[in-house]
Amino acid sequence: WEPLTSGRMLREMKHGPRVVLVRHSPDGSRLV
């Protein structure tokens, strides 16, 4: 999401079953 400017969703990716955790890498380039 882009919450500060538009609040719109930028991208959507299918993980699988219910997602219980998301975390960015320290440099912000990756997400687990």
Full PDB file with SEQRES, HELIX, SHEET, SSBOND, CRYST1, ORIGX, SCALE, CONECT and MASTER records, all heavy atoms in Angstrom:
SEQRES   1 A   32  TRP GLU PRO LEU THR SER GLY ARG MET LEU ARG GLU MET          
SEQRES   2 A   32  LYS HIS GLY PRO ARG VAL VAL LEU VAL ARG HIS SER PRO          
SEQRES   3 A   32  ASP GLY SER ARG LEU VAL                                      
CRYST1    1.000    1.000    1.000  90.00  90.00  90.00 P 1           1          
ORIGX1      1.000000  0.000000  0.000000        0.00000                         
ORIGX2      0.000000  1.000000  0.000000        0.00000                         
ORIGX3      0.000000  0.000000  1.000000        0.00000                         
SCALE1      1.000000  0.000000  0.000000        0.00000                         
SCALE2      0.000000  1.000000  0.000000        0.00000                         
SCALE3      0.000000  0.000000  1.000000        0.00000                         
ATOM      1  N   TRP A   1       0.831  -1.204   0.000  1.00  0.00           N  
ATOM      2  CA  TRP A   1       0.000   0.000   0.000  1.00  0.00           C  
ATOM      3  C   TRP A   1       0.863   1.250   0.000  1.00  0.00           C  
ATOM      4  O   TRP A   1       2.005   1.226   0.425  1.00  0.00           O  
ATOM      5  CB  TRP A   1      -0.872   0.040   1.249  1.00  0.00           C  
ATOM      6  CG  TRP A   1      -1.774  -1.127   1.423  1.00  0.00           C  
ATOM      7  CD1 TRP A   1      -1.437  -2.334   1.974  1.00  0.00           C  
ATOM      8  CD2 TRP A   1      -3.132  -1.224   1.066  1.00  0.00           C  
ATOM      9  NE1 TRP A   1      -2.528  -3.163   1.979  1.00  0.00           N  
ATOM     10  CE2 TRP A   1      -3.587  -2.513   1.425  1.00  0.00           C  
ATOM     11  CE3 TRP A   1      -4.037  -0.344   0.468  1.00  0.00           C  
ATOM     12  CZ2 TRP A   1      -4.886  -2.937   1.213  1.00  0.00           C  
ATOM     13  CZ3 TRP A   1      -5.339  -0.763   0.260  1.00  0.00           C  
ATOM     14  CH2 TRP A   1      -5.755  -2.041   0.636  1.00  0.00           C  
ATOM     15  N   GLU A   2       0.265   2.345  -0.397  1.00  0.00           N  
ATOM     16  CA  GLU A   2       0.867   3.673  -0.349  1.00  0.00           C  
ATOM     17  C   GLU A   2      -0.011   4.527   0.581  1.00  0.00           C  
ATOM     18  O   GLU A   2      -0.822   5.327   0.111  1.00  0.00           O  
ATOM     19  CB  GLU A   2       0.904   4.249  -1.769  1.00  0.00           C  
ATOM     20  CG  GLU A   2       1.741   5.461  -1.916  1.00  0.00           C  
ATOM     21  CD  GLU A   2       1.835   5.836  -3.388  1.00  0.00           C  
ATOM     22  OE1 GLU A   2       0.784   6.131  -3.987  1.00  0.00           O  
ATOM     23  OE2 GLU A   2       2.959   5.837  -3.902  1.00  0.00           O  
ATOM     24  N   PRO A   3       0.119   4.372   1.894  1.00  0.00           N  
ATOM     25  CA  PRO A   3      -0.839   4.989   2.815  1.00  0.00           C  
ATOM     26  C   PRO A   3      -0.708   6.496   3.002  1.00  0.00           C  
ATOM     27  O   PRO A   3      -1.694   7.150   3.311  1.00  0.00           O  
ATOM     28  CB  PRO A   3      -0.569   4.271   4.134  1.00  0.00           C  
ATOM     29  CG  PRO A   3       0.853   3.860   4.051  1.00  0.00           C  
ATOM     30  CD  PRO A   3       1.106   3.564   2.599  1.00  0.00           C  
ATOM     31  N   LEU A   4       0.481   7.058   2.827  1.00  0.00           N  
ATOM     32  CA  LEU A   4       0.653   8.481   3.129  1.00  0.00           C  
ATOM     33  C   LEU A   4       0.171   9.417   2.042  1.00  0.00           C  
ATOM     34  O   LEU A   4      -0.234  10.533   2.323  1.00  0.00           O  
ATOM     35  CB  LEU A   4       2.126   8.771   3.445  1.00  0.00           C  
ATOM     36  CG  LEU A   4       2.667   8.059   4.687  1.00  0.00           C  
ATOM     37  CD1 LEU A   4       4.125   8.415   4.897  1.00  0.00           C  
ATOM     38  CD2 LEU A   4       1.845   8.389   5.908  1.00  0.00           C  
ATOM     39  N   THR A   5       0.207   8.985   0.792  1.00  0.00           N  
ATOM     40  CA  THR A   5      -0.188   9.881  -0.288  1.00  0.00           C  
ATOM     41  C   THR A   5      -1.591   9.593  -0.798  1.00  0.00           C  
ATOM     42  O   THR A   5      -2.444  10.464  -0.791  1.00  0.00           O  
ATOM     43  CB  THR A   5       0.811   9.824  -1.455  1.00  0.00           C  
ATOM     44  OG1 THR A   5       0.948   8.470  -1.882  1.00  0.00           O  
ATOM     45  CG2 THR A   5       2.168  10.342  -1.029  1.00  0.00           C  
ATOM     46  N   SER A   6      -1.834   8.359  -1.214  1.00  0.00           N  
ATOM     47  CA  SER A   6      -3.131   8.076  -1.832  1.00  0.00           C  
ATOM     48  C   SER A   6      -3.965   7.048  -1.078  1.00  0.00           C  
ATOM     49  O   SER A   6      -5.168   6.981  -1.242  1.00  0.00           O  
ATOM     50  CB  SER A   6      -2.923   7.571  -3.263  1.00  0.00           C  
ATOM     51  OG  SER A   6      -2.281   6.307  -3.234  1.00  0.00           O  
ATOM     52  N   GLY A   7      -3.306   6.209  -0.288  1.00  0.00           N  
ATOM     53  CA  GLY A   7      -4.027   5.139   0.381  1.00  0.00           C  
ATOM     54  C   GLY A   7      -4.375   3.987  -0.541  1.00  0.00           C  
ATOM     55  O   GLY A   7      -5.048   3.042  -0.148  1.00  0.00           O  
ATOM     56  N   ARG A   8      -3.893   4.031  -1.772  1.00  0.00           N  
ATOM     57  CA  ARG A   8      -4.246   2.988  -2.731  1.00  0.00           C  
ATOM     58  C   ARG A   8      -3.304   1.794  -2.628  1.00  0.00           C  
ATOM     59  O   ARG A   8      -2.167   1.921  -2.206  1.00  0.00           O  
ATOM     60  CB  ARG A   8      -4.275   3.530  -4.147  1.00  0.00           C  
ATOM     61  CG  ARG A   8      -2.930   3.894  -4.708  1.00  0.00           C  
ATOM     62  CD  ARG A   8      -3.039   4.484  -6.113  1.00  0.00           C  
ATOM     63  NE  ARG A   8      -1.735   4.861  -6.591  1.00  0.00           N  
ATOM     64  CZ  ARG A   8      -0.978   4.116  -7.370  1.00  0.00           C  
ATOM     65  NH1 ARG A   8      -1.407   2.942  -7.774  1.00  0.00           N  
ATOM     66  NH2 ARG A   8       0.210   4.519  -7.770  1.00  0.00           N  
ATOM     67  N   MET A   9      -3.797   0.653  -3.073  1.00  0.00           N  
ATOM     68  CA  MET A   9      -2.998  -0.556  -3.124  1.00  0.00           C  
ATOM     69  C   MET A   9      -2.123  -0.515  -4.372  1.00  0.00           C  
ATOM     70  O   MET A   9      -2.595  -0.220  -5.465  1.00  0.00           O  
ATOM     71  CB  MET A   9      -3.896  -1.794  -3.149  1.00  0.00           C  
ATOM     72  CG  MET A   9      -3.122  -3.068  -3.102  1.00  0.00           C  
ATOM     73  SD  MET A   9      -4.101  -4.593  -3.064  1.00  0.00           S  
ATOM     74  CE  MET A   9      -5.636  -4.154  -3.805  1.00  0.00           C  
ATOM     75  N   LEU A  10      -0.831  -0.809  -4.218  1.00  0.00           N  
ATOM     76  CA  LEU A  10       0.108  -0.778  -5.335  1.00  0.00           C  
ATOM     77  C   LEU A  10       0.312  -2.149  -5.962  1.00  0.00           C  
ATOM     78  O   LEU A  10       0.536  -2.258  -7.159  1.00  0.00           O  
ATOM     79  CB  LEU A  10       1.476  -0.262  -4.865  1.00  0.00           C  
ATOM     80  CG  LEU A  10       1.513   1.129  -4.271  1.00  0.00           C  
ATOM     81  CD1 LEU A  10       2.906   1.442  -3.748  1.00  0.00           C  
ATOM     82  CD2 LEU A  10       1.090   2.151  -5.310  1.00  0.00           C  
ATOM     83  N   ARG A  11       0.249  -3.180  -5.142  1.00  0.00           N  
ATOM     84  CA  ARG A  11       0.571  -4.526  -5.616  1.00  0.00           C  
ATOM     85  C   ARG A  11      -0.121  -5.561  -4.744  1.00  0.00           C  
ATOM     86  O   ARG A  11      -0.304  -5.350  -3.556  1.00  0.00           O  
ATOM     87  CB  ARG A  11       2.086  -4.712  -5.543  1.00  0.00           C  
ATOM     88  CG  ARG A  11       2.615  -5.975  -6.144  1.00  0.00           C  
ATOM     89  CD  ARG A  11       4.130  -5.933  -6.158  1.00  0.00           C  
ATOM     90  NE  ARG A  11       4.653  -7.227  -6.567  1.00  0.00           N  
ATOM     91  CZ  ARG A  11       5.874  -7.622  -6.369  1.00  0.00           C  
ATOM     92  NH1 ARG A  11       6.739  -6.827  -5.778  1.00  0.00           N  
ATOM     93  NH2 ARG A  11       6.279  -8.813  -6.769  1.00  0.00           N  
ATOM     94  N   GLU A  12      -0.479  -6.685  -5.361  1.00  0.00           N  
ATOM     95  CA  GLU A  12      -1.135  -7.780  -4.647  1.00  0.00           C  
ATOM     96  C   GLU A  12      -0.481  -9.093  -5.088  1.00  0.00           C  
ATOM     97  O   GLU A  12      -0.342  -9.344  -6.284  1.00  0.00           O  
ATOM     98  CB  GLU A  12      -2.622  -7.777  -4.985  1.00  0.00           C  
ATOM     99  CG  GLU A  12      -3.429  -8.817  -4.283  1.00  0.00           C  
ATOM    100  CD  GLU A  12      -4.901  -8.683  -4.601  1.00  0.00           C  
ATOM    101  OE1 GLU A  12      -5.274  -8.859  -5.783  1.00  0.00           O  
ATOM    102  OE2 GLU A  12      -5.668  -8.399  -3.678  1.00  0.00           O  
ATOM    103  N   MET A  13      -0.048  -9.905  -4.109  1.00  0.00           N  
ATOM    104  CA  MET A  13       0.651 -11.149  -4.415  1.00  0.00           C  
ATOM    105  C   MET A  13       0.004 -12.292  -3.635  1.00  0.00           C  
ATOM    106  O   MET A  13      -0.256 -12.150  -2.441  1.00  0.00           O  
ATOM    107  CB  MET A  13       2.131 -11.027  -4.018  1.00  0.00           C  
ATOM    108  CG  MET A  13       2.809  -9.900  -4.752  1.00  0.00           C  
ATOM    109  SD  MET A  13       4.085  -8.923  -3.896  1.00  0.00           S  
ATOM    110  CE  MET A  13       3.706  -8.830  -2.231  1.00  0.00           C  
ATOM    111  N   LYS A  14      -0.236 -13.409  -4.292  1.00  0.00           N  
ATOM    112  CA  LYS A  14      -0.879 -14.559  -3.652  1.00  0.00           C  
ATOM    113  C   LYS A  14       0.164 -15.367  -2.880  1.00  0.00           C  
ATOM    114  O   LYS A  14       1.101 -15.903  -3.457  1.00  0.00           O  
ATOM    115  CB  LYS A  14      -1.556 -15.435  -4.706  1.00  0.00           C  
ATOM    116  CG  LYS A  14      -2.232 -16.668  -4.148  1.00  0.00           C  
ATOM    117  CD  LYS A  14      -3.402 -16.319  -3.283  1.00  0.00           C  
ATOM    118  CE  LYS A  14      -4.155 -17.578  -2.846  1.00  0.00           C  
ATOM    119  NZ  LYS A  14      -5.056 -17.352  -1.752  1.00  0.00           N  
ATOM    120  N   HIS A  15       0.009 -15.435  -1.562  1.00  0.00           N  
ATOM    121  CA  HIS A  15       0.902 -16.210  -0.715  1.00  0.00           C  
ATOM    122  C   HIS A  15       0.452 -17.663  -0.634  1.00  0.00           C  
ATOM    123  O   HIS A  15       1.228 -18.572  -0.781  1.00  0.00           O  
ATOM    124  CB  HIS A  15       0.977 -15.620   0.694  1.00  0.00           C  
ATOM    125  CG  HIS A  15       1.705 -16.492   1.663  1.00  0.00           C  
ATOM    126  ND1 HIS A  15       3.053 -16.378   1.873  1.00  0.00           N  
ATOM    127  CD2 HIS A  15       1.289 -17.518   2.435  1.00  0.00           C  
ATOM    128  CE1 HIS A  15       3.426 -17.297   2.749  1.00  0.00           C  
ATOM    129  NE2 HIS A  15       2.374 -17.990   3.104  1.00  0.00           N  
ATOM    130  N   GLY A  16      -0.808 -17.872  -0.358  1.00  0.00           N  
ATOM    131  CA  GLY A  16      -1.360 -19.216  -0.136  1.00  0.00           C  
ATOM    132  C   GLY A  16      -2.406 -19.133   0.958  1.00  0.00           C  
ATOM    133  O   GLY A  16      -3.311 -18.319   0.872  1.00  0.00           O  
ATOM    134  N   PRO A  17      -2.255 -19.933   2.010  1.00  0.00           N  
ATOM    135  CA  PRO A  17      -3.212 -19.841   3.114  1.00  0.00           C  
ATOM    136  C   PRO A  17      -3.037 -18.528   3.890  1.00  0.00           C  
ATOM    137  O   PRO A  17      -2.145 -17.741   3.604  1.00  0.00           O  
ATOM    138  CB  PRO A  17      -2.894 -21.048   3.977  1.00  0.00           C  
ATOM    139  CG  PRO A  17      -1.512 -21.430   3.637  1.00  0.00           C  
ATOM    140  CD  PRO A  17      -1.270 -20.981   2.215  1.00  0.00           C  
ATOM    141  N   ARG A  18      -3.844 -18.339   4.877  1.00  0.00           N  
ATOM    142  CA  ARG A  18      -3.863 -17.112   5.690  1.00  0.00           C  
ATOM    143  C   ARG A  18      -2.445 -16.663   6.056  1.00  0.00           C  
ATOM    144  O   ARG A  18      -1.614 -17.450   6.484  1.00  0.00           O  
ATOM    145  CB  ARG A  18      -4.672 -17.363   6.959  1.00  0.00           C  
ATOM    146  CG  ARG A  18      -4.801 -16.181   7.879  1.00  0.00           C  
ATOM    147  CD  ARG A  18      -5.755 -16.476   9.024  1.00  0.00           C  
ATOM    148  NE  ARG A  18      -5.388 -17.649   9.792  1.00  0.00           N  
ATOM    149  CZ  ARG A  18      -4.701 -17.615  10.940  1.00  0.00           C  
ATOM    150  NH1 ARG A  18      -4.305 -16.461  11.432  1.00  0.00           N  
ATOM    151  NH2 ARG A  18      -4.429 -18.726  11.582  1.00  0.00           N  
ATOM    152  N   VAL A  19      -2.161 -15.377   5.868  1.00  0.00           N  
ATOM    153  CA  VAL A  19      -0.850 -14.801   6.165  1.00  0.00           C  
ATOM    154  C   VAL A  19      -0.838 -14.324   7.612  1.00  0.00           C  
ATOM    155  O   VAL A  19      -1.706 -13.558   8.029  1.00  0.00           O  
ATOM    156  CB  VAL A  19      -0.514 -13.636   5.204  1.00  0.00           C  
ATOM    157  CG1 VAL A  19       0.834 -13.026   5.535  1.00  0.00           C  
ATOM    158  CG2 VAL A  19      -0.555 -14.110   3.757  1.00  0.00           C  
ATOM    159  N   VAL A  20       0.167 -14.782   8.371  1.00  0.00           N  
ATOM    160  CA  VAL A  20       0.238 -14.426   9.791  1.00  0.00           C  
ATOM    161  C   VAL A  20       1.382 -13.471  10.117  1.00  0.00           C  
ATOM    162  O   VAL A  20       1.425 -12.915  11.206  1.00  0.00           O  
ATOM    163  CB  VAL A  20       0.336 -15.688  10.683  1.00  0.00           C  
ATOM    164  CG1 VAL A  20      -0.919 -16.526  10.551  1.00  0.00           C  
ATOM    165  CG2 VAL A  20       1.570 -16.515  10.359  1.00  0.00           C  
ATOM    166  N   LEU A  21       2.323 -13.276   9.164  1.00  0.00           N  
ATOM    167  CA  LEU A  21       3.462 -12.398   9.412  1.00  0.00           C  
ATOM    168  C   LEU A  21       3.982 -11.834   8.096  1.00  0.00           C  
ATOM    169  O   LEU A  21       4.094 -12.573   7.111  1.00  0.00           O  
ATOM    170  CB  LEU A  21       4.599 -13.177  10.097  1.00  0.00           C  
ATOM    171  CG  LEU A  21       5.879 -12.394  10.365  1.00  0.00           C  
ATOM    172  CD1 LEU A  21       5.729 -11.602  11.653  1.00  0.00           C  
ATOM    173  CD2 LEU A  21       7.062 -13.337  10.471  1.00  0.00           C  
ATOM    174  N   VAL A  22       4.281 -10.547   8.071  1.00  0.00           N  
ATOM    175  CA  VAL A  22       5.007  -9.911   6.966  1.00  0.00           C  
ATOM    176  C   VAL A  22       6.086  -9.030   7.576  1.00  0.00           C  
ATOM    177  O   VAL A  22       5.833  -8.334   8.552  1.00  0.00           O  
ATOM    178  CB  VAL A  22       4.098  -9.073   6.025  1.00  0.00           C  
ATOM    179  CG1 VAL A  22       3.191  -9.940   5.197  1.00  0.00           C  
ATOM    180  CG2 VAL A  22       3.301  -8.035   6.769  1.00  0.00           C  
ATOM    181  N   ARG A  23       7.311  -9.091   7.007  1.00  0.00           N  
ATOM    182  CA  ARG A  23       8.410  -8.260   7.488  1.00  0.00           C  
ATOM    183  C   ARG A  23       9.296  -7.854   6.322  1.00  0.00           C  
ATOM    184  O   ARG A  23       9.663  -8.681   5.499  1.00  0.00           O  
ATOM    185  CB  ARG A  23       9.291  -9.000   8.504  1.00  0.00           C  
ATOM    186  CG  ARG A  23       8.672  -9.217   9.848  1.00  0.00           C  
ATOM    187  CD  ARG A  23       8.539  -7.910  10.632  1.00  0.00           C  
ATOM    188  NE  ARG A  23       7.953  -8.147  11.928  1.00  0.00           N  
ATOM    189  CZ  ARG A  23       6.654  -8.127  12.204  1.00  0.00           C  
ATOM    190  NH1 ARG A  23       5.784  -7.884  11.252  1.00  0.00           N  
ATOM    191  NH2 ARG A  23       6.204  -8.346  13.397  1.00  0.00           N  
ATOM    192  N   HIS A  24       9.661  -6.572   6.299  1.00  0.00           N  
ATOM    193  CA  HIS A  24      10.590  -6.057   5.297  1.00  0.00           C  
ATOM    194  C   HIS A  24      12.029  -6.361   5.715  1.00  0.00           C  
ATOM    195  O   HIS A  24      12.335  -6.413   6.910  1.00  0.00           O  
ATOM    196  CB  HIS A  24      10.450  -4.537   5.172  1.00  0.00           C  
ATOM    197  CG  HIS A  24       9.248  -4.107   4.419  1.00  0.00           C  
ATOM    198  ND1 HIS A  24       8.032  -3.877   5.033  1.00  0.00           N  
ATOM    199  CD2 HIS A  24       9.066  -3.869   3.101  1.00  0.00           C  
ATOM    200  CE1 HIS A  24       7.157  -3.496   4.114  1.00  0.00           C  
ATOM    201  NE2 HIS A  24       7.755  -3.489   2.937  1.00  0.00           N  
ATOM    202  N   SER A  25      12.901  -6.501   4.726  1.00  0.00           N  
ATOM    203  CA  SER A  25      14.330  -6.598   4.995  1.00  0.00           C  
ATOM    204  C   SER A  25      14.811  -5.222   5.457  1.00  0.00           C  
ATOM    205  O   SER A  25      14.153  -4.207   5.196  1.00  0.00           O  
ATOM    206  CB  SER A  25      15.082  -7.048   3.749  1.00  0.00           C  
ATOM    207  OG  SER A  25      14.933  -6.114   2.712  1.00  0.00           O  
ATOM    208  N   PRO A  26      15.960  -5.149   6.138  1.00  0.00           N  
ATOM    209  CA  PRO A  26      16.450  -3.848   6.624  1.00  0.00           C  
ATOM    210  C   PRO A  26      16.634  -2.801   5.523  1.00  0.00           C  
ATOM    211  O   PRO A  26      16.446  -1.619   5.766  1.00  0.00           O  
ATOM    212  CB  PRO A  26      17.791  -4.193   7.272  1.00  0.00           C  
ATOM    213  CG  PRO A  26      17.635  -5.616   7.699  1.00  0.00           C  
ATOM    214  CD  PRO A  26      16.789  -6.256   6.619  1.00  0.00           C  
ATOM    215  N   ASP A  27      16.972  -3.235   4.305  1.00  0.00           N  
ATOM    216  CA  ASP A  27      17.144  -2.259   3.218  1.00  0.00           C  
ATOM    217  C   ASP A  27      15.846  -1.988   2.456  1.00  0.00           C  
ATOM    218  O   ASP A  27      15.815  -1.204   1.525  1.00  0.00           O  
ATOM    219  CB  ASP A  27      18.241  -2.691   2.256  1.00  0.00           C  
ATOM    220  CG  ASP A  27      17.898  -3.945   1.457  1.00  0.00           C  
ATOM    221  OD1 ASP A  27      16.807  -4.536   1.670  1.00  0.00           O  
ATOM    222  OD2 ASP A  27      18.728  -4.343   0.621  1.00  0.00           O  
ATOM    223  N   GLY A  28      14.746  -2.652   2.821  1.00  0.00           N  
ATOM    224  CA  GLY A  28      13.445  -2.423   2.214  1.00  0.00           C  
ATOM    225  C   GLY A  28      13.248  -3.038   0.840  1.00  0.00           C  
ATOM    226  O   GLY A  28      12.204  -2.855   0.230  1.00  0.00           O  
ATOM    227  N   SER A  29      14.221  -3.800   0.356  1.00  0.00           N  
ATOM    228  CA  SER A  29      14.126  -4.351  -1.000  1.00  0.00           C  
ATOM    229  C   SER A  29      13.349  -5.659  -1.065  1.00  0.00           C  
ATOM    230  O   SER A  29      12.884  -6.047  -2.127  1.00  0.00           O  
ATOM    231  CB  SER A  29      15.519  -4.566  -1.588  1.00  0.00           C  
ATOM    232  OG  SER A  29      16.195  -5.593  -0.882  1.00  0.00           O  
ATOM    233  N   ARG A  30      13.224  -6.332   0.055  1.00  0.00           N  
ATOM    234  CA  ARG A  30      12.525  -7.620   0.076  1.00  0.00           C  
ATOM    235  C   ARG A  30      11.531  -7.661   1.214  1.00  0.00           C  
ATOM    236  O   ARG A  30      11.599  -6.906   2.169  1.00  0.00           O  
ATOM    237  CB  ARG A  30      13.526  -8.761   0.225  1.00  0.00           C  
ATOM    238  CG  ARG A  30      14.419  -8.869  -0.985  1.00  0.00           C  
ATOM    239  CD  ARG A  30      14.925 -10.259  -1.159  1.00  0.00           C  
ATOM    240  NE  ARG A  30      15.596 -10.365  -2.449  1.00  0.00           N  
ATOM    241  CZ  ARG A  30      16.866 -10.656  -2.579  1.00  0.00           C  
ATOM    242  NH1 ARG A  30      17.601 -10.885  -1.521  1.00  0.00           N  
ATOM    243  NH2 ARG A  30      17.390 -10.745  -3.780  1.00  0.00           N  
ATOM    244  N   LEU A  31      10.613  -8.610   1.070  1.00  0.00           N  
ATOM    245  CA  LEU A  31       9.567  -8.807   2.069  1.00  0.00           C  
ATOM    246  C   LEU A  31       9.403 -10.311   2.257  1.00  0.00           C  
ATOM    247  O   LEU A  31       9.396 -11.069   1.287  1.00  0.00           O  
ATOM    248  CB  LEU A  31       8.251  -8.203   1.562  1.00  0.00           C  
ATOM    249  CG  LEU A  31       7.042  -8.312   2.467  1.00  0.00           C  
ATOM    250  CD1 LEU A  31       7.164  -7.309   3.613  1.00  0.00           C  
ATOM    251  CD2 LEU A  31       5.766  -8.056   1.681  1.00  0.00           C  
ATOM    252  N   VAL A  32       9.286 -10.747   3.490  1.00  0.00           N  
ATOM    253  CA  VAL A  32       9.019 -12.151   3.757  1.00  0.00           C  
ATOM    254  C   VAL A  32       7.598 -12.257   4.305  1.00  0.00           C  
ATOM    255  O   VAL A  32       7.142 -11.397   5.052  1.00  0.00           O  
ATOM    256  CB  VAL A  32      10.050 -12.768   4.736  1.00  0.00           C  
ATOM    257  CG1 VAL A  32       9.955 -12.160   6.124  1.00  0.00           C  
ATOM    258  CG2 VAL A  32       9.907 -14.274   4.804  1.00  0.00           C  
TER     259      VAL A  32                                                      
MASTER        0    0    0    0    0    0    0    6  258    1    0    3          
END                                                                             
